[in-house]
Amino acid sequence: MTAVAQDAETASTPRNTPARISICAAALGATLIAGVFLTPLFWMLYGGLYTFLVFATGAVAIPAGHLGRRRGKRLGGRDRGVALLGIVTGWILVLLGLLLALAYLGLLAGLAMLTDSTS
Protein backbone atom coordinates (compact mmCIF):
# COMPACT_ATOMS: atom_id res chain seq x y z
CA MET A 1 0.00 0.00 0.00
CA THR A 2 1.40 3.36 -0.95
CA ALA A 3 1.72 6.31 1.41
CA VAL A 4 -1.06 8.16 -0.42
CA ALA A 5 -3.42 5.21 -0.03
CA GLN A 6 -2.57 4.96 3.68
CA ASP A 7 -3.22 8.68 4.14
CA ALA A 8 -6.55 8.37 2.35
CA GLU A 9 -7.50 5.36 4.49
CA THR A 10 -6.62 7.08 7.78
CA ALA A 11 -8.41 10.25 6.69
CA SER A 12 -11.62 8.31 6.01
CA THR A 13 -11.64 6.45 9.34
CA PRO A 14 -13.05 8.45 12.25
CA ARG A 15 -10.74 9.31 15.13
CA ASN A 16 -11.29 8.57 18.76
CA THR A 17 -10.54 12.11 19.93
CA PRO A 18 -11.73 11.69 23.56
CA ALA A 19 -9.30 8.79 24.05
CA ARG A 20 -6.46 10.92 22.72
CA ILE A 21 -7.43 13.84 24.96
CA SER A 22 -7.53 11.46 27.92
CA ILE A 23 -4.07 10.07 27.32
CA CYS A 24 -2.62 13.55 26.66
CA ALA A 25 -4.03 14.87 29.95
CA ALA A 26 -2.77 11.80 31.80
CA ALA A 27 0.68 12.16 30.23
CA LEU A 28 0.81 15.82 31.24
CA GLY A 29 -0.09 14.92 34.82
CA ALA A 30 2.48 12.13 34.90
CA THR A 31 5.08 14.57 33.58
CA LEU A 32 4.20 16.95 36.42
CA ILE A 33 4.67 14.15 38.94
CA ALA A 34 8.01 13.18 37.39
CA GLY A 35 9.03 16.84 37.39
CA VAL A 36 8.79 16.95 41.18
CA PHE A 37 11.72 14.59 41.43
CA LEU A 38 13.73 16.57 38.89
CA THR A 39 12.96 20.09 40.14
CA PRO A 40 11.70 20.05 43.74
CA LEU A 41 12.07 23.83 43.85
CA PHE A 42 9.00 24.19 41.60
CA TRP A 43 6.96 22.11 44.01
CA MET A 44 8.11 24.14 46.99
CA LEU A 45 7.55 27.53 45.35
CA TYR A 46 4.31 26.82 43.50
CA GLY A 47 2.80 24.05 45.60
CA GLY A 48 -0.83 25.12 45.34
CA LEU A 49 -0.67 25.63 41.58
CA TYR A 50 1.19 22.36 41.17
CA THR A 51 -1.41 20.46 43.20
CA PHE A 52 -4.23 22.05 41.23
CA LEU A 53 -2.61 21.11 37.91
CA VAL A 54 -2.09 17.49 38.99
CA PHE A 55 -5.71 17.27 40.15
CA ALA A 56 -7.06 19.05 37.05
CA THR A 57 -5.22 16.81 34.58
CA GLY A 58 -6.65 13.78 36.35
CA ALA A 59 -10.12 15.31 36.37
CA VAL A 60 -9.89 15.86 32.60
CA ALA A 61 -8.46 12.40 31.85
CA ILE A 62 -11.21 10.44 33.64
CA PRO A 63 -14.35 11.63 31.80
CA ALA A 64 -12.49 11.91 28.49
CA GLY A 65 -11.32 8.32 28.95
CA HIS A 66 -14.86 7.11 29.60
CA LEU A 67 -16.08 8.91 26.49
CA GLY A 68 -13.18 7.42 24.55
CA ARG A 69 -14.08 3.91 25.72
CA ARG A 70 -17.68 4.39 24.61
CA ARG A 71 -16.67 5.87 21.27
CA GLY A 72 -14.08 3.14 20.80
CA LYS A 73 -16.79 0.52 21.16
CA ARG A 74 -18.69 2.15 18.29
CA LEU A 75 -15.50 2.37 16.22
CA GLY A 76 -14.73 -1.32 16.54
CA GLY A 77 -12.32 -1.14 19.45
CA ARG A 78 -10.19 1.72 18.18
CA ASP A 79 -8.10 3.29 21.00
CA ARG A 80 -10.10 1.63 23.79
CA GLY A 81 -6.90 0.55 25.54
CA VAL A 82 -5.52 4.07 25.32
CA ALA A 83 -8.71 5.39 26.89
CA LEU A 84 -8.49 2.83 29.69
CA LEU A 85 -4.91 3.86 30.38
CA GLY A 86 -6.09 7.47 30.56
CA ILE A 87 -8.82 6.53 33.05
CA VAL A 88 -6.47 4.60 35.33
CA THR A 89 -3.78 7.27 35.20
CA GLY A 90 -6.40 9.95 35.80
CA TRP A 91 -7.59 8.26 38.99
CA ILE A 92 -4.00 7.94 40.19
CA LEU A 93 -3.46 11.65 39.52
CA VAL A 94 -6.62 12.60 41.41
CA LEU A 95 -5.49 10.47 44.35
CA LEU A 96 -2.03 12.05 44.32
CA GLY A 97 -3.57 15.53 44.12
CA LEU A 98 -5.70 14.80 47.18
CA LEU A 99 -2.70 13.40 49.04
CA LEU A 100 -0.71 16.53 48.22
CA ALA A 101 -3.54 18.71 49.52
CA LEU A 102 -3.62 16.69 52.75
CA ALA A 103 0.16 17.03 53.06
CA TYR A 104 -0.15 20.81 52.78
CA LEU A 105 -2.88 20.87 55.43
CA GLY A 106 -0.73 18.73 57.72
CA LEU A 107 2.25 21.00 57.15
CA LEU A 108 0.19 24.08 57.99
CA ALA A 109 -1.28 22.42 61.09
CA GLY A 110 2.18 21.40 62.26
CA LEU A 111 3.54 24.89 61.75
CA ALA A 112 0.58 26.35 63.62
CA MET A 113 1.24 24.00 66.54
CA LEU A 114 4.91 25.01 66.60
CA THR A 115 4.01 28.68 66.60
CA ASP A 116 1.50 28.24 69.42
CA SER A 117 3.93 26.27 71.56
CA THR A 118 6.65 28.91 71.36
CA SER A 119 4.51 31.81 72.60
C-alpha atoms as a PDB file:
ATOM      1  CA  MET A   1       0.000   0.000   0.000  1.00  0.00           C
ATOM      2  CA  THR A   2       1.400   3.361  -0.953  1.00  0.00           C
ATOM      3  CA  ALA A   3       1.720   6.309   1.405  1.00  0.00           C
ATOM      4  CA  VAL A   4      -1.056   8.163  -0.421  1.00  0.00           C
ATOM      5  CA  ALA A   5      -3.416   5.207  -0.026  1.00  0.00           C
ATOM      6  CA  GLN A   6      -2.568   4.963   3.681  1.00  0.00           C
ATOM      7  CA  ASP A   7      -3.221   8.682   4.144  1.00  0.00           C
ATOM      8  CA  ALA A   8      -6.550   8.371   2.351  1.00  0.00           C
ATOM      9  CA  GLU A   9      -7.501   5.365   4.487  1.00  0.00           C
ATOM     10  CA  THR A  10      -6.620   7.078   7.778  1.00  0.00           C
ATOM     11  CA  ALA A  11      -8.414  10.248   6.688  1.00  0.00           C
ATOM     12  CA  SER A  12     -11.619   8.313   6.012  1.00  0.00           C
ATOM     13  CA  THR A  13     -11.644   6.446   9.343  1.00  0.00           C
ATOM     14  CA  PRO A  14     -13.045   8.446  12.249  1.00  0.00           C
ATOM     15  CA  ARG A  15     -10.740   9.307  15.128  1.00  0.00           C
ATOM     16  CA  ASN A  16     -11.291   8.575  18.762  1.00  0.00           C
ATOM     17  CA  THR A  17     -10.541  12.105  19.933  1.00  0.00           C
ATOM     18  CA  PRO A  18     -11.726  11.688  23.558  1.00  0.00           C
ATOM     19  CA  ALA A  19      -9.300   8.795  24.045  1.00  0.00           C
ATOM     20  CA  ARG A  20      -6.459  10.919  22.723  1.00  0.00           C
ATOM     21  CA  ILE A  21      -7.425  13.840  24.958  1.00  0.00           C
ATOM     22  CA  SER A  22      -7.532  11.463  27.915  1.00  0.00           C
ATOM     23  CA  ILE A  23      -4.075  10.072  27.324  1.00  0.00           C
ATOM     24  CA  CYS A  24      -2.617  13.548  26.660  1.00  0.00           C
ATOM     25  CA  ALA A  25      -4.028  14.871  29.952  1.00  0.00           C
ATOM     26  CA  ALA A  26      -2.773  11.801  31.796  1.00  0.00           C
ATOM     27  CA  ALA A  27       0.677  12.159  30.230  1.00  0.00           C
ATOM     28  CA  LEU A  28       0.810  15.820  31.235  1.00  0.00           C
ATOM     29  CA  GLY A  29      -0.090  14.919  34.822  1.00  0.00           C
ATOM     30  CA  ALA A  30       2.478  12.132  34.897  1.00  0.00           C
ATOM     31  CA  THR A  31       5.078  14.574  33.584  1.00  0.00           C
ATOM     32  CA  LEU A  32       4.202  16.951  36.418  1.00  0.00           C
ATOM     33  CA  ILE A  33       4.669  14.146  38.937  1.00  0.00           C
ATOM     34  CA  ALA A  34       8.011  13.177  37.391  1.00  0.00           C
ATOM     35  CA  GLY A  35       9.034  16.836  37.388  1.00  0.00           C
ATOM     36  CA  VAL A  36       8.788  16.946  41.182  1.00  0.00           C
ATOM     37  CA  PHE A  37      11.716  14.593  41.429  1.00  0.00           C
ATOM     38  CA  LEU A  38      13.727  16.570  38.886  1.00  0.00           C
ATOM     39  CA  THR A  39      12.961  20.085  40.145  1.00  0.00           C
ATOM     40  CA  PRO A  40      11.699  20.051  43.737  1.00  0.00           C
ATOM     41  CA  LEU A  41      12.072  23.833  43.849  1.00  0.00           C
ATOM     42  CA  PHE A  42       8.997  24.193  41.601  1.00  0.00           C
ATOM     43  CA  TRP A  43       6.960  22.111  44.011  1.00  0.00           C
ATOM     44  CA  MET A  44       8.106  24.139  46.991  1.00  0.00           C
ATOM     45  CA  LEU A  45       7.548  27.531  45.345  1.00  0.00           C
ATOM     46  CA  TYR A  46       4.312  26.824  43.497  1.00  0.00           C
ATOM     47  CA  GLY A  47       2.801  24.055  45.602  1.00  0.00           C
ATOM     48  CA  GLY A  48      -0.829  25.118  45.336  1.00  0.00           C
ATOM     49  CA  LEU A  49      -0.670  25.629  41.579  1.00  0.00           C
ATOM     50  CA  TYR A  50       1.186  22.361  41.173  1.00  0.00           C
ATOM     51  CA  THR A  51      -1.408  20.456  43.196  1.00  0.00           C
ATOM     52  CA  PHE A  52      -4.230  22.049  41.228  1.00  0.00           C
ATOM     53  CA  LEU A  53      -2.613  21.112  37.906  1.00  0.00           C
ATOM     54  CA  VAL A  54      -2.094  17.491  38.986  1.00  0.00           C
ATOM     55  CA  PHE A  55      -5.708  17.266  40.153  1.00  0.00           C
ATOM     56  CA  ALA A  56      -7.064  19.050  37.046  1.00  0.00           C
ATOM     57  CA  THR A  57      -5.219  16.813  34.577  1.00  0.00           C
ATOM     58  CA  GLY A  58      -6.647  13.777  36.347  1.00  0.00           C
ATOM     59  CA  ALA A  59     -10.121  15.315  36.366  1.00  0.00           C
ATOM     60  CA  VAL A  60      -9.890  15.859  32.595  1.00  0.00           C
ATOM     61  CA  ALA A  61      -8.461  12.401  31.851  1.00  0.00           C
ATOM     62  CA  ILE A  62     -11.207  10.445  33.637  1.00  0.00           C
ATOM     63  CA  PRO A  63     -14.350  11.634  31.799  1.00  0.00           C
ATOM     64  CA  ALA A  64     -12.494  11.913  28.491  1.00  0.00           C
ATOM     65  CA  GLY A  65     -11.325   8.320  28.945  1.00  0.00           C
ATOM     66  CA  HIS A  66     -14.858   7.114  29.604  1.00  0.00           C
ATOM     67  CA  LEU A  67     -16.080   8.909  26.488  1.00  0.00           C
ATOM     68  CA  GLY A  68     -13.180   7.419  24.546  1.00  0.00           C
ATOM     69  CA  ARG A  69     -14.079   3.906  25.724  1.00  0.00           C
ATOM     70  CA  ARG A  70     -17.685   4.393  24.608  1.00  0.00           C
ATOM     71  CA  ARG A  71     -16.671   5.870  21.267  1.00  0.00           C
ATOM     72  CA  GLY A  72     -14.079   3.145  20.799  1.00  0.00           C
ATOM     73  CA  LYS A  73     -16.795   0.519  21.161  1.00  0.00           C
ATOM     74  CA  ARG A  74     -18.690   2.148  18.286  1.00  0.00           C
ATOM     75  CA  LEU A  75     -15.496   2.365  16.217  1.00  0.00           C
ATOM     76  CA  GLY A  76     -14.732  -1.324  16.537  1.00  0.00           C
ATOM     77  CA  GLY A  77     -12.320  -1.141  19.449  1.00  0.00           C
ATOM     78  CA  ARG A  78     -10.189   1.716  18.177  1.00  0.00           C
ATOM     79  CA  ASP A  79      -8.095   3.291  21.003  1.00  0.00           C
ATOM     80  CA  ARG A  80     -10.098   1.628  23.791  1.00  0.00           C
ATOM     81  CA  GLY A  81      -6.898   0.550  25.543  1.00  0.00           C
ATOM     82  CA  VAL A  82      -5.524   4.071  25.316  1.00  0.00           C
ATOM     83  CA  ALA A  83      -8.709   5.394  26.888  1.00  0.00           C
ATOM     84  CA  LEU A  84      -8.494   2.826  29.689  1.00  0.00           C
ATOM     85  CA  LEU A  85      -4.914   3.863  30.382  1.00  0.00           C
ATOM     86  CA  GLY A  86      -6.090   7.471  30.557  1.00  0.00           C
ATOM     87  CA  ILE A  87      -8.817   6.529  33.054  1.00  0.00           C
ATOM     88  CA  VAL A  88      -6.466   4.602  35.333  1.00  0.00           C
ATOM     89  CA  THR A  89      -3.780   7.273  35.204  1.00  0.00           C
ATOM     90  CA  GLY A  90      -6.399   9.954  35.801  1.00  0.00           C
ATOM     91  CA  TRP A  91      -7.586   8.263  38.995  1.00  0.00           C
ATOM     92  CA  ILE A  92      -4.001   7.936  40.189  1.00  0.00           C
ATOM     93  CA  LEU A  93      -3.457  11.653  39.523  1.00  0.00           C
ATOM     94  CA  VAL A  94      -6.619  12.599  41.411  1.00  0.00           C
ATOM     95  CA  LEU A  95      -5.486  10.468  44.350  1.00  0.00           C
ATOM     96  CA  LEU A  96      -2.027  12.052  44.318  1.00  0.00           C
ATOM     97  CA  GLY A  97      -3.567  15.531  44.117  1.00  0.00           C
ATOM     98  CA  LEU A  98      -5.704  14.803  47.175  1.00  0.00           C
ATOM     99  CA  LEU A  99      -2.700  13.399  49.042  1.00  0.00           C
ATOM    100  CA  LEU A 100      -0.712  16.526  48.222  1.00  0.00           C
ATOM    101  CA  ALA A 101      -3.543  18.715  49.524  1.00  0.00           C
ATOM    102  CA  LEU A 102      -3.622  16.689  52.750  1.00  0.00           C
ATOM    103  CA  ALA A 103       0.158  17.032  53.061  1.00  0.00           C
ATOM    104  CA  TYR A 104      -0.146  20.812  52.783  1.00  0.00           C
ATOM    105  CA  LEU A 105      -2.875  20.872  55.425  1.00  0.00           C
ATOM    106  CA  GLY A 106      -0.727  18.733  57.721  1.00  0.00           C
ATOM    107  CA  LEU A 107       2.249  20.999  57.154  1.00  0.00           C
ATOM    108  CA  LEU A 108       0.194  24.083  57.991  1.00  0.00           C
ATOM    109  CA  ALA A 109      -1.279  22.425  61.088  1.00  0.00           C
ATOM    110  CA  GLY A 110       2.183  21.402  62.261  1.00  0.00           C
ATOM    111  CA  LEU A 111       3.536  24.890  61.749  1.00  0.00           C
ATOM    112  CA  ALA A 112       0.580  26.349  63.623  1.00  0.00           C
ATOM    113  CA  MET A 113       1.243  24.000  66.544  1.00  0.00           C
ATOM    114  CA  LEU A 114       4.911  25.007  66.595  1.00  0.00           C
ATOM    115  CA  THR A 115       4.008  28.683  66.602  1.00  0.00           C
ATOM    116  CA  ASP A 116       1.499  28.239  69.418  1.00  0.00           C
ATOM    117  CA  SER A 117       3.928  26.267  71.555  1.00  0.00           C
ATOM    118  CA  THR A 118       6.653  28.914  71.359  1.00  0.00           C
ATOM    119  CA  SER A 119       4.513  31.810  72.596  1.00  0.00           C
END
